[in-house]
Amino acid sequence: MNLIISVIQSIYIIYMFNFFETSRYFTHPFDVFTNNIPLLDHSKKENHLCLLGNIIGYLLPIWLLGRHTISSPEKYNKLILNTILIVSLVSNMNAFIYFLPLYIIDFV
């Protein structure tokens, strides 16, 4: 993976997971459960992402840039990105939709 692409992906994730505001909310069947947990409650935020999503929005760019310093990051990269994809799919459709372009670019 090219470092320039990783920088663009990092800027995108920081913006979409922390600063992007939308009135569009994609409902999820598990919202009944996640809205009762303060760390996972995303119903009252402008970007419809919970605190955990905001934290991931800052930690993931560290990985995206740091993976260029590891000799063989493919295994770790696949594990981290697949985990984020599955967790976002299970917990929040907005996070899944925001993360999907990055995932497609990384694995296509």
PDB file of N, CA and C in Angstrom:
ATOM      1  N   MET A   1       0.851  -1.173   0.000  1.00  0.00           N
ATOM      2  CA  MET A   1       0.000   0.000   0.000  1.00  0.00           C
ATOM      3  C   MET A   1       0.900   1.242   0.000  1.00  0.00           C
ATOM      4  N   ASN A   2       0.546   2.187  -0.783  1.00  0.00           N
ATOM      5  CA  ASN A   2       1.287   3.415  -0.965  1.00  0.00           C
ATOM      6  C   ASN A   2       1.079   4.351   0.235  1.00  0.00           C
ATOM      7  N   LEU A   3       2.136   5.028   0.655  1.00  0.00           N
ATOM      8  CA  LEU A   3       2.052   5.944   1.795  1.00  0.00           C
ATOM      9  C   LEU A   3       1.117   7.115   1.507  1.00  0.00           C
ATOM     10  N   ILE A   4       1.109   7.609   0.300  1.00  0.00           N
ATOM     11  CA  ILE A   4       0.231   8.738  -0.053  1.00  0.00           C
ATOM     12  C   ILE A   4      -1.236   8.328   0.078  1.00  0.00           C
ATOM     13  N   ILE A   5      -1.564   7.122  -0.349  1.00  0.00           N
ATOM     14  CA  ILE A   5      -2.934   6.629  -0.206  1.00  0.00           C
ATOM     15  C   ILE A   5      -3.285   6.499   1.275  1.00  0.00           C
ATOM     16  N   SER A   6      -2.355   6.039   2.084  1.00  0.00           N
ATOM     17  CA  SER A   6      -2.601   5.911   3.521  1.00  0.00           C
ATOM     18  C   SER A   6      -2.826   7.272   4.175  1.00  0.00           C
ATOM     19  N   VAL A   7      -2.113   8.289   3.735  1.00  0.00           N
ATOM     20  CA  VAL A   7      -2.323   9.642   4.270  1.00  0.00           C
ATOM     21  C   VAL A   7      -3.720  10.133   3.904  1.00  0.00           C
ATOM     22  N   ILE A   8      -4.132   9.920   2.670  1.00  0.00           N
ATOM     23  CA  ILE A   8      -5.478  10.332   2.237  1.00  0.00           C
ATOM     24  C   ILE A   8      -6.537   9.552   3.016  1.00  0.00           C
ATOM     25  N   GLN A   9      -6.334   8.251   3.196  1.00  0.00           N
ATOM     26  CA  GLN A   9      -7.273   7.441   3.972  1.00  0.00           C
ATOM     27  C   GLN A   9      -7.353   7.922   5.418  1.00  0.00           C
ATOM     28  N   SER A  10      -6.229   8.293   5.992  1.00  0.00           N
ATOM     29  CA  SER A  10      -6.198   8.767   7.379  1.00  0.00           C
ATOM     30  C   SER A  10      -6.979  10.066   7.532  1.00  0.00           C
ATOM     31  N   ILE A  11      -6.780  10.983   6.611  1.00  0.00           N
ATOM     32  CA  ILE A  11      -7.522  12.248   6.648  1.00  0.00           C
ATOM     33  C   ILE A  11      -9.019  11.970   6.500  1.00  0.00           C
ATOM     34  N   TYR A  12      -9.372  11.083   5.590  1.00  0.00           N
ATOM     35  CA  TYR A  12     -10.772  10.726   5.361  1.00  0.00           C
ATOM     36  C   TYR A  12     -11.410  10.148   6.627  1.00  0.00           C
ATOM     37  N   ILE A  13     -10.740   9.198   7.275  1.00  0.00           N
ATOM     38  CA  ILE A  13     -11.300   8.554   8.466  1.00  0.00           C
ATOM     39  C   ILE A  13     -11.429   9.547   9.615  1.00  0.00           C
ATOM     40  N   ILE A  14     -10.419  10.372   9.822  1.00  0.00           N
ATOM     41  CA  ILE A  14     -10.512  11.371  10.894  1.00  0.00           C
ATOM     42  C   ILE A  14     -11.692  12.296  10.641  1.00  0.00           C
ATOM     43  N   TYR A  15     -11.849  12.741   9.416  1.00  0.00           N
ATOM     44  CA  TYR A  15     -12.950  13.647   9.096  1.00  0.00           C
ATOM     45  C   TYR A  15     -14.310  12.959   9.231  1.00  0.00           C
ATOM     46  N   MET A  16     -14.472  11.807   8.621  1.00  0.00           N
ATOM     47  CA  MET A  16     -15.781  11.141   8.600  1.00  0.00           C
ATOM     48  C   MET A  16     -16.188  10.629   9.978  1.00  0.00           C
ATOM     49  N   PHE A  17     -15.267  10.135  10.774  1.00  0.00           N
ATOM     50  CA  PHE A  17     -15.619   9.566  12.069  1.00  0.00           C
ATOM     51  C   PHE A  17     -15.672  10.611  13.181  1.00  0.00           C
ATOM     52  N   ASN A  18     -15.192  11.833  12.934  1.00  0.00           N
ATOM     53  CA  ASN A  18     -15.159  12.817  14.014  1.00  0.00           C
ATOM     54  C   ASN A  18     -15.790  14.166  13.683  1.00  0.00           C
ATOM     55  N   PHE A  19     -15.719  14.608  12.447  1.00  0.00           N
ATOM     56  CA  PHE A  19     -16.161  15.966  12.128  1.00  0.00           C
ATOM     57  C   PHE A  19     -17.328  16.053  11.154  1.00  0.00           C
ATOM     58  N   PHE A  20     -17.557  15.036  10.368  1.00  0.00           N
ATOM     59  CA  PHE A  20     -18.628  15.042   9.376  1.00  0.00           C
ATOM     60  C   PHE A  20     -19.985  15.097  10.076  1.00  0.00           C
ATOM     61  N   GLU A  21     -20.849  15.991   9.618  1.00  0.00           N
ATOM     62  CA  GLU A  21     -22.192  16.099  10.177  1.00  0.00           C
ATOM     63  C   GLU A  21     -23.214  15.794   9.093  1.00  0.00           C
ATOM     64  N   THR A  22     -24.203  15.009   9.448  1.00  0.00           N
ATOM     65  CA  THR A  22     -25.248  14.644   8.501  1.00  0.00           C
ATOM     66  C   THR A  22     -26.581  14.538   9.218  1.00  0.00           C
ATOM     67  N   SER A  23     -27.621  14.768   8.489  1.00  0.00           N
ATOM     68  CA  SER A  23     -28.956  14.557   9.045  1.00  0.00           C
ATOM     69  C   SER A  23     -29.459  13.164   8.667  1.00  0.00           C
ATOM     70  N   ARG A  24     -28.712  12.480   7.824  1.00  0.00           N
ATOM     71  CA  ARG A  24     -29.096  11.149   7.348  1.00  0.00           C
ATOM     72  C   ARG A  24     -28.666  10.108   8.364  1.00  0.00           C
ATOM     73  N   TYR A  25     -29.608   9.329   8.832  1.00  0.00           N
ATOM     74  CA  TYR A  25     -29.299   8.282   9.798  1.00  0.00           C
ATOM     75  C   TYR A  25     -29.823   6.955   9.274  1.00  0.00           C
ATOM     76  N   PHE A  26     -28.939   5.996   9.133  1.00  0.00           N
ATOM     77  CA  PHE A  26     -29.313   4.672   8.671  1.00  0.00           C
ATOM     78  C   PHE A  26     -29.587   3.805   9.896  1.00  0.00           C
ATOM     79  N   THR A  27     -30.842   3.480  10.100  1.00  0.00           N
ATOM     80  CA  THR A  27     -31.216   2.723  11.296  1.00  0.00           C
ATOM     81  C   THR A  27     -30.653   1.317  11.234  1.00  0.00           C
ATOM     82  N   HIS A  28     -30.475   0.772  12.405  1.00  0.00           N
ATOM     83  CA  HIS A  28     -29.886  -0.550  12.552  1.00  0.00           C
ATOM     84  C   HIS A  28     -30.731  -1.331  13.551  1.00  0.00           C
ATOM     85  N   PRO A  29     -30.938  -2.617  13.334  1.00  0.00           N
ATOM     86  CA  PRO A  29     -31.768  -3.400  14.266  1.00  0.00           C
ATOM     87  C   PRO A  29     -31.228  -3.433  15.696  1.00  0.00           C
ATOM     88  N   PHE A  30     -29.912  -3.302  15.867  1.00  0.00           N
ATOM     89  CA  PHE A  30     -29.326  -3.358  17.205  1.00  0.00           C
ATOM     90  C   PHE A  30     -29.319  -2.014  17.917  1.00  0.00           C
ATOM     91  N   ASP A  31     -29.892  -0.979  17.307  1.00  0.00           N
ATOM     92  CA  ASP A  31     -29.938   0.329  17.960  1.00  0.00           C
ATOM     93  C   ASP A  31     -30.641   0.278  19.308  1.00  0.00           C
ATOM     94  N   VAL A  32     -31.572  -0.611  19.449  1.00  0.00           N
ATOM     95  CA  VAL A  32     -32.290  -0.770  20.720  1.00  0.00           C
ATOM     96  C   VAL A  32     -31.304  -1.113  21.833  1.00  0.00           C
ATOM     97  N   PHE A  33     -30.309  -1.921  21.526  1.00  0.00           N
ATOM     98  CA  PHE A  33     -29.333  -2.341  22.529  1.00  0.00           C
ATOM     99  C   PHE A  33     -28.191  -1.333  22.678  1.00  0.00           C
ATOM    100  N   THR A  34     -27.691  -0.826  21.570  1.00  0.00           N
ATOM    101  CA  THR A  34     -26.518   0.053  21.643  1.00  0.00           C
ATOM    102  C   THR A  34     -26.836   1.420  22.211  1.00  0.00           C
ATOM    103  N   ASN A  35     -28.065   1.893  22.078  1.00  0.00           N
ATOM    104  CA  ASN A  35     -28.411   3.220  22.607  1.00  0.00           C
ATOM    105  C   ASN A  35     -28.505   3.236  24.126  1.00  0.00           C
ATOM    106  N   ASN A  36     -28.515   2.079  24.757  1.00  0.00           N
ATOM    107  CA  ASN A  36     -28.551   2.006  26.220  1.00  0.00           C
ATOM    108  C   ASN A  36     -27.164   1.975  26.844  1.00  0.00           C
ATOM    109  N   ILE A  37     -26.129   1.860  26.033  1.00  0.00           N
ATOM    110  CA  ILE A  37     -24.745   1.813  26.517  1.00  0.00           C
ATOM    111  C   ILE A  37     -24.085   3.141  26.169  1.00  0.00           C
ATOM    112  N   PRO A  38     -23.636   3.915  27.169  1.00  0.00           N
ATOM    113  CA  PRO A  38     -23.095   5.256  26.880  1.00  0.00           C
ATOM    114  C   PRO A  38     -21.951   5.270  25.859  1.00  0.00           C
ATOM    115  N   LEU A  39     -21.069   4.289  25.905  1.00  0.00           N
ATOM    116  CA  LEU A  39     -19.944   4.242  24.972  1.00  0.00           C
ATOM    117  C   LEU A  39     -20.411   3.972  23.539  1.00  0.00           C
ATOM    118  N   LEU A  40     -21.556   3.322  23.388  1.00  0.00           N
ATOM    119  CA  LEU A  40     -22.056   2.943  22.066  1.00  0.00           C
ATOM    120  C   LEU A  40     -23.265   3.751  21.608  1.00  0.00           C
ATOM    121  N   ASP A  41     -23.702   4.715  22.400  1.00  0.00           N
ATOM    122  CA  ASP A  41     -24.873   5.507  22.038  1.00  0.00           C
ATOM    123  C   ASP A  41     -24.502   6.520  20.955  1.00  0.00           C
ATOM    124  N   HIS A  42     -25.139   6.411  19.815  1.00  0.00           N
ATOM    125  CA  HIS A  42     -24.851   7.296  18.690  1.00  0.00           C
ATOM    126  C   HIS A  42     -26.091   8.060  18.230  1.00  0.00           C
ATOM    127  N   SER A  43     -27.122   8.039  19.021  1.00  0.00           N
ATOM    128  CA  SER A  43     -28.392   8.630  18.584  1.00  0.00           C
ATOM    129  C   SER A  43     -28.414  10.155  18.689  1.00  0.00           C
ATOM    130  N   LYS A  44     -27.589  10.740  19.534  1.00  0.00           N
ATOM    131  CA  LYS A  44     -27.657  12.182  19.762  1.00  0.00           C
ATOM    132  C   LYS A  44     -26.495  12.956  19.139  1.00  0.00           C
ATOM    133  N   LYS A  45     -25.763  12.346  18.254  1.00  0.00           N
ATOM    134  CA  LYS A  45     -24.585  12.995  17.673  1.00  0.00           C
ATOM    135  C   LYS A  45     -24.861  13.413  16.242  1.00  0.00           C
ATOM    136  N   GLU A  46     -24.165  14.450  15.785  1.00  0.00           N
ATOM    137  CA  GLU A  46     -24.376  14.987  14.445  1.00  0.00           C
ATOM    138  C   GLU A  46     -23.913  14.038  13.350  1.00  0.00           C
ATOM    139  N   ASN A  47     -22.862  13.265  13.605  1.00  0.00           N
ATOM    140  CA  ASN A  47     -22.391  12.329  12.589  1.00  0.00           C
ATOM    141  C   ASN A  47     -22.912  10.915  12.833  1.00  0.00           C
ATOM    142  N   HIS A  48     -23.721  10.748  13.873  1.00  0.00           N
ATOM    143  CA  HIS A  48     -24.355   9.479  14.214  1.00  0.00           C
ATOM    144  C   HIS A  48     -23.333   8.376  14.484  1.00  0.00           C
ATOM    145  N   LEU A  49     -22.219   8.748  15.085  1.00  0.00           N
ATOM    146  CA  LEU A  49     -21.229   7.775  15.527  1.00  0.00           C
ATOM    147  C   LEU A  49     -21.057   7.901  17.029  1.00  0.00           C
ATOM    148  N   CYS A  50     -20.863   6.784  17.692  1.00  0.00           N
ATOM    149  CA  CYS A  50     -20.715   6.776  19.138  1.00  0.00           C
ATOM    150  C   CYS A  50     -19.291   7.187  19.537  1.00  0.00           C
ATOM    151  N   LEU A  51     -19.065   7.256  20.827  1.00  0.00           N
ATOM    152  CA  LEU A  51     -17.741   7.617  21.345  1.00  0.00           C
ATOM    153  C   LEU A  51     -16.691   6.608  20.896  1.00  0.00           C
ATOM    154  N   LEU A  52     -17.049   5.341  20.869  1.00  0.00           N
ATOM    155  CA  LEU A  52     -16.111   4.316  20.395  1.00  0.00           C
ATOM    156  C   LEU A  52     -15.720   4.567  18.941  1.00  0.00           C
ATOM    157  N   GLY A  53     -16.685   4.951  18.118  1.00  0.00           N
ATOM    158  CA  GLY A  53     -16.390   5.283  16.723  1.00  0.00           C
ATOM    159  C   GLY A  53     -15.479   6.486  16.604  1.00  0.00           C
ATOM    160  N   ASN A  54     -15.678   7.479  17.481  1.00  0.00           N
ATOM    161  CA  ASN A  54     -14.802   8.645  17.474  1.00  0.00           C
ATOM    162  C   ASN A  54     -13.370   8.258  17.857  1.00  0.00           C
ATOM    163  N   ILE A  55     -13.233   7.365  18.829  1.00  0.00           N
ATOM    164  CA  ILE A  55     -11.902   6.898  19.240  1.00  0.00           C
ATOM    165  C   ILE A  55     -11.235   6.136  18.089  1.00  0.00           C
ATOM    166  N   ILE A  56     -11.991   5.257  17.438  1.00  0.00           N
ATOM    167  CA  ILE A  56     -11.465   4.519  16.281  1.00  0.00           C
ATOM    168  C   ILE A  56     -11.061   5.493  15.178  1.00  0.00           C
ATOM    169  N   GLY A  57     -11.802   6.586  15.056  1.00  0.00           N
ATOM    170  CA  GLY A  57     -11.492   7.598  14.054  1.00  0.00           C
ATOM    171  C   GLY A  57     -10.140   8.258  14.260  1.00  0.00           C
ATOM    172  N   TYR A  58      -9.602   8.181  15.469  1.00  0.00           N
ATOM    173  CA  TYR A  58      -8.259   8.698  15.718  1.00  0.00           C
ATOM    174  C   TYR A  58      -7.207   7.591  15.773  1.00  0.00           C
ATOM    175  N   LEU A  59      -7.586   6.390  16.218  1.00  0.00           N
ATOM    176  CA  LEU A  59      -6.613   5.299  16.308  1.00  0.00           C
ATOM    177  C   LEU A  59      -6.329   4.647  14.956  1.00  0.00           C
ATOM    178  N   LEU A  60      -7.342   4.512  14.125  1.00  0.00           N
ATOM    179  CA  LEU A  60      -7.140   3.871  12.824  1.00  0.00           C
ATOM    180  C   LEU A  60      -6.122   4.604  11.953  1.00  0.00           C
ATOM    181  N   PRO A  61      -6.137   5.934  11.888  1.00  0.00           N
ATOM    182  CA  PRO A  61      -5.090   6.605  11.099  1.00  0.00           C
ATOM    183  C   PRO A  61      -3.671   6.334  11.611  1.00  0.00           C
ATOM    184  N   ILE A  62      -3.541   6.129  12.917  1.00  0.00           N
ATOM    185  CA  ILE A  62      -2.213   5.783  13.447  1.00  0.00           C
ATOM    186  C   ILE A  62      -1.768   4.452  12.838  1.00  0.00           C
ATOM    187  N   TRP A  63      -2.686   3.493  12.769  1.00  0.00           N
ATOM    188  CA  TRP A  63      -2.350   2.213  12.137  1.00  0.00           C
ATOM    189  C   TRP A  63      -2.082   2.380  10.646  1.00  0.00           C
ATOM    190  N   LEU A  64      -2.949   3.146   9.968  1.00  0.00           N
ATOM    191  CA  LEU A  64      -2.802   3.293   8.518  1.00  0.00           C
ATOM    192  C   LEU A  64      -1.447   3.889   8.146  1.00  0.00           C
ATOM    193  N   LEU A  65      -0.952   4.789   8.962  1.00  0.00           N
ATOM    194  CA  LEU A  65       0.369   5.371   8.703  1.00  0.00           C
ATOM    195  C   LEU A  65       1.493   4.504   9.256  1.00  0.00           C
ATOM    196  N   GLY A  66       1.253   3.880  10.401  1.00  0.00           N
ATOM    197  CA  GLY A  66       2.282   3.065  11.049  1.00  0.00           C
ATOM    198  C   GLY A  66       2.546   1.740  10.369  1.00  0.00           C
ATOM    199  N   ARG A  67       1.594   1.258   9.566  1.00  0.00           N
ATOM    200  CA  ARG A  67       1.793  -0.034   8.914  1.00  0.00           C
ATOM    201  C   ARG A  67       2.924  -0.013   7.897  1.00  0.00           C
ATOM    202  N   HIS A  68       3.351   1.164   7.508  1.00  0.00           N
ATOM    203  CA  HIS A  68       4.451   1.275   6.556  1.00  0.00           C
ATOM    204  C   HIS A  68       5.810   1.059   7.202  1.00  0.00           C
ATOM    205  N   THR A  69       5.850   1.014   8.525  1.00  0.00           N
ATOM    206  CA  THR A  69       7.114   0.792   9.226  1.00  0.00           C
ATOM    207  C   THR A  69       7.309  -0.675   9.599  1.00  0.00           C
ATOM    208  N   ILE A  70       6.287  -1.504   9.418  1.00  0.00           N
ATOM    209  CA  ILE A  70       6.353  -2.923   9.763  1.00  0.00           C
ATOM    210  C   ILE A  70       6.774  -3.704   8.517  1.00  0.00           C
ATOM    211  N   SER A  71       7.586  -4.736   8.723  1.00  0.00           N
ATOM    212  CA  SER A  71       8.122  -5.471   7.575  1.00  0.00           C
ATOM    213  C   SER A  71       7.045  -6.243   6.799  1.00  0.00           C
ATOM    214  N   SER A  72       6.098  -6.874   7.472  1.00  0.00           N
ATOM    215  CA  SER A  72       5.029  -7.584   6.748  1.00  0.00           C
ATOM    216  C   SER A  72       3.684  -7.297   7.427  1.00  0.00           C
ATOM    217  N   PRO A  73       3.055  -6.163   7.077  1.00  0.00           N
ATOM    218  CA  PRO A  73       1.827  -5.753   7.773  1.00  0.00           C
ATOM    219  C   PRO A  73       0.547  -6.394   7.244  1.00  0.00           C
ATOM    220  N   GLU A  74       0.631  -7.232   6.211  1.00  0.00           N
ATOM    221  CA  GLU A  74      -0.571  -7.737   5.556  1.00  0.00           C
ATOM    222  C   GLU A  74      -1.496  -8.476   6.518  1.00  0.00           C
ATOM    223  N   LYS A  75      -0.916  -9.350   7.346  1.00  0.00           N
ATOM    224  CA  LYS A  75      -1.724 -10.149   8.272  1.00  0.00           C
ATOM    225  C   LYS A  75      -2.425  -9.245   9.294  1.00  0.00           C
ATOM    226  N   TYR A  76      -1.680  -8.309   9.879  1.00  0.00           N
ATOM    227  CA  TYR A  76      -2.260  -7.403  10.869  1.00  0.00           C
ATOM    228  C   TYR A  76      -3.264  -6.457  10.227  1.00  0.00           C
ATOM    229  N   ASN A  77      -2.946  -5.986   9.038  1.00  0.00           N
ATOM    230  CA  ASN A  77      -3.824  -5.065   8.335  1.00  0.00           C
ATOM    231  C   ASN A  77      -5.173  -5.717   8.050  1.00  0.00           C
ATOM    232  N   LYS A  78      -5.124  -6.942   7.582  1.00  0.00           N
ATOM    233  CA  LYS A  78      -6.365  -7.670   7.290  1.00  0.00           C
ATOM    234  C   LYS A  78      -7.177  -7.876   8.565  1.00  0.00           C
ATOM    235  N   LEU A  79      -6.529  -8.255   9.646  1.00  0.00           N
ATOM    236  CA  LEU A  79      -7.214  -8.484  10.920  1.00  0.00           C
ATOM    237  C   LEU A  79      -7.864  -7.201  11.437  1.00  0.00           C
ATOM    238  N   ILE A  80      -7.135  -6.107  11.450  1.00  0.00           N
ATOM    239  CA  ILE A  80      -7.646  -4.841  11.979  1.00  0.00           C
ATOM    240  C   ILE A  80      -8.797  -4.317  11.129  1.00  0.00           C
ATOM    241  N   LEU A  81      -8.612  -4.275   9.825  1.00  0.00           N
ATOM    242  CA  LEU A  81      -9.657  -3.726   8.962  1.00  0.00           C
ATOM    243  C   LEU A  81     -10.897  -4.614   8.912  1.00  0.00           C
ATOM    244  N   ASN A  82     -10.723  -5.934   8.924  1.00  0.00           N
ATOM    245  CA  ASN A  82     -11.879  -6.831   8.962  1.00  0.00           C
ATOM    246  C   ASN A  82     -12.638  -6.698  10.276  1.00  0.00           C
ATOM    247  N   THR A  83     -11.923  -6.548  11.379  1.00  0.00           N
ATOM    248  CA  THR A  83     -12.571  -6.363  12.676  1.00  0.00           C
ATOM    249  C   THR A  83     -13.390  -5.079  12.699  1.00  0.00           C
ATOM    250  N   ILE A  84     -12.820  -3.996  12.207  1.00  0.00           N
ATOM    251  CA  ILE A  84     -13.555  -2.724  12.176  1.00  0.00           C
ATOM    252  C   ILE A  84     -14.772  -2.842  11.263  1.00  0.00           C
ATOM    253  N   LEU A  85     -14.623  -3.508  10.128  1.00  0.00           N
ATOM    254  CA  LEU A  85     -15.751  -3.681   9.211  1.00  0.00           C
ATOM    255  C   LEU A  85     -16.883  -4.465   9.876  1.00  0.00           C
ATOM    256  N   ILE A  86     -16.563  -5.564  10.523  1.00  0.00           N
ATOM    257  CA  ILE A  86     -17.590  -6.406  11.155  1.00  0.00           C
ATOM    258  C   ILE A  86     -18.240  -5.691  12.324  1.00  0.00           C
ATOM    259  N   VAL A  87     -17.443  -5.044  13.172  1.00  0.00           N
ATOM    260  CA  VAL A  87     -18.011  -4.332  14.329  1.00  0.00           C
ATOM    261  C   VAL A  87     -18.895  -3.185  13.867  1.00  0.00           C
ATOM    262  N   SER A  88     -18.479  -2.459  12.856  1.00  0.00           N
ATOM    263  CA  SER A  88     -19.313  -1.357  12.366  1.00  0.00           C
ATOM    264  C   SER A  88     -20.587  -1.888  11.703  1.00  0.00           C
ATOM    265  N   LEU A  89     -20.502  -3.021  11.034  1.00  0.00           N
ATOM    266  CA  LEU A  89     -21.690  -3.613  10.415  1.00  0.00           C
ATOM    267  C   LEU A  89     -22.686  -4.067  11.478  1.00  0.00           C
ATOM    268  N   VAL A  90     -22.192  -4.613  12.558  1.00  0.00           N
ATOM    269  CA  VAL A  90     -23.053  -5.122  13.621  1.00  0.00           C
ATOM    270  C   VAL A  90     -23.621  -3.997  14.488  1.00  0.00           C
ATOM    271  N   SER A  91     -22.890  -2.887  14.626  1.00  0.00           N
ATOM    272  CA  SER A  91     -23.314  -1.882  15.599  1.00  0.00           C
ATOM    273  C   SER A  91     -23.891  -0.600  15.007  1.00  0.00           C
ATOM    274  N   ASN A  92     -23.403  -0.156  13.852  1.00  0.00           N
ATOM    275  CA  ASN A  92     -23.825   1.155  13.365  1.00  0.00           C
ATOM    276  C   ASN A  92     -23.672   1.206  11.841  1.00  0.00           C
ATOM    277  N   MET A  93     -24.784   1.383  11.155  1.00  0.00           N
ATOM    278  CA  MET A  93     -24.755   1.407   9.690  1.00  0.00           C
ATOM    279  C   MET A  93     -24.052   2.655   9.151  1.00  0.00           C
ATOM    280  N   ASN A  94     -24.158   3.776   9.842  1.00  0.00           N
ATOM    281  CA  ASN A  94     -23.450   4.972   9.382  1.00  0.00           C
ATOM    282  C   ASN A  94     -21.942   4.734   9.389  1.00  0.00           C
ATOM    283  N   ALA A  95     -21.430   4.148  10.466  1.00  0.00           N
ATOM    284  CA  ALA A  95     -19.994   3.852  10.539  1.00  0.00           C
ATOM    285  C   ALA A  95     -19.596   2.871   9.446  1.00  0.00           C
ATOM    286  N   PHE A  96     -20.433   1.898   9.187  1.00  0.00           N
ATOM    287  CA  PHE A  96     -20.161   0.916   8.137  1.00  0.00           C
ATOM    288  C   PHE A  96     -20.076   1.597   6.774  1.00  0.00           C
ATOM    289  N   ILE A  97     -21.016   2.489   6.498  1.00  0.00           N
ATOM    290  CA  ILE A  97     -21.032   3.196   5.213  1.00  0.00           C
ATOM    291  C   ILE A  97     -19.838   4.136   5.084  1.00  0.00           C
ATOM    292  N   TYR A  98     -19.449   4.798   6.178  1.00  0.00           N
ATOM    293  CA  TYR A  98     -18.292   5.694   6.142  1.00  0.00           C
ATOM    294  C   TYR A  98     -16.995   4.909   5.950  1.00  0.00           C
ATOM    295  N   PHE A  99     -16.924   3.691   6.513  1.00  0.00           N
ATOM    296  CA  PHE A  99     -15.703   2.889   6.471  1.00  0.00           C
ATOM    297  C   PHE A  99     -15.562   2.095   5.168  1.00  0.00           C
ATOM    298  N   LEU A 100     -16.660   1.800   4.523  1.00  0.00           N
ATOM    299  CA  LEU A 100     -16.651   0.935   3.345  1.00  0.00           C
ATOM    300  C   LEU A 100     -15.721   1.406   2.214  1.00  0.00           C
ATOM    301  N   PRO A 101     -15.671   2.698   1.848  1.00  0.00           N
ATOM    302  CA  PRO A 101     -14.734   3.102   0.780  1.00  0.00           C
ATOM    303  C   PRO A 101     -13.274   2.809   1.120  1.00  0.00           C
ATOM    304  N   LEU A 102     -12.889   3.037   2.372  1.00  0.00           N
ATOM    305  CA  LEU A 102     -11.518   2.743   2.786  1.00  0.00           C
ATOM    306  C   LEU A 102     -11.241   1.245   2.655  1.00  0.00           C
ATOM    307  N   TYR A 103     -12.187   0.434   3.069  1.00  0.00           N
ATOM    308  CA  TYR A 103     -12.023  -1.019   3.000  1.00  0.00           C
ATOM    309  C   TYR A 103     -11.890  -1.479   1.556  1.00  0.00           C
ATOM    310  N   ILE A 104     -12.715  -0.944   0.692  1.00  0.00           N
ATOM    311  CA  ILE A 104     -12.680  -1.322  -0.734  1.00  0.00           C
ATOM    312  C   ILE A 104     -11.338  -0.929  -1.352  1.00  0.00           C
ATOM    313  N   ILE A 105     -10.869   0.261  -1.062  1.00  0.00           N
ATOM    314  CA  ILE A 105      -9.591   0.722  -1.614  1.00  0.00           C
ATOM    315  C   ILE A 105      -8.440  -0.162  -1.128  1.00  0.00           C
ATOM    316  N   ASP A 106      -8.498  -0.585   0.124  1.00  0.00           N
ATOM    317  CA  ASP A 106      -7.406  -1.383   0.680  1.00  0.00           C
ATOM    318  C   ASP A 106      -7.364  -2.809   0.126  1.00  0.00           C
ATOM    319  N   PHE A 107      -8.499  -3.385  -0.177  1.00  0.00           N
ATOM    320  CA  PHE A 107      -8.518  -4.794  -0.559  1.00  0.00           C
ATOM    321  C   PHE A 107      -8.863  -5.054  -2.012  1.00  0.00           C
ATOM    322  N   VAL A 108      -9.050  -3.997  -2.799  1.00  0.00           N
ATOM    323  CA  VAL A 108      -9.328  -4.225  -4.228  1.00  0.00           C
ATOM    324  C   VAL A 108      -8.127  -3.834  -5.047  1.00  0.00           C
TER     325      VAL A 108
END
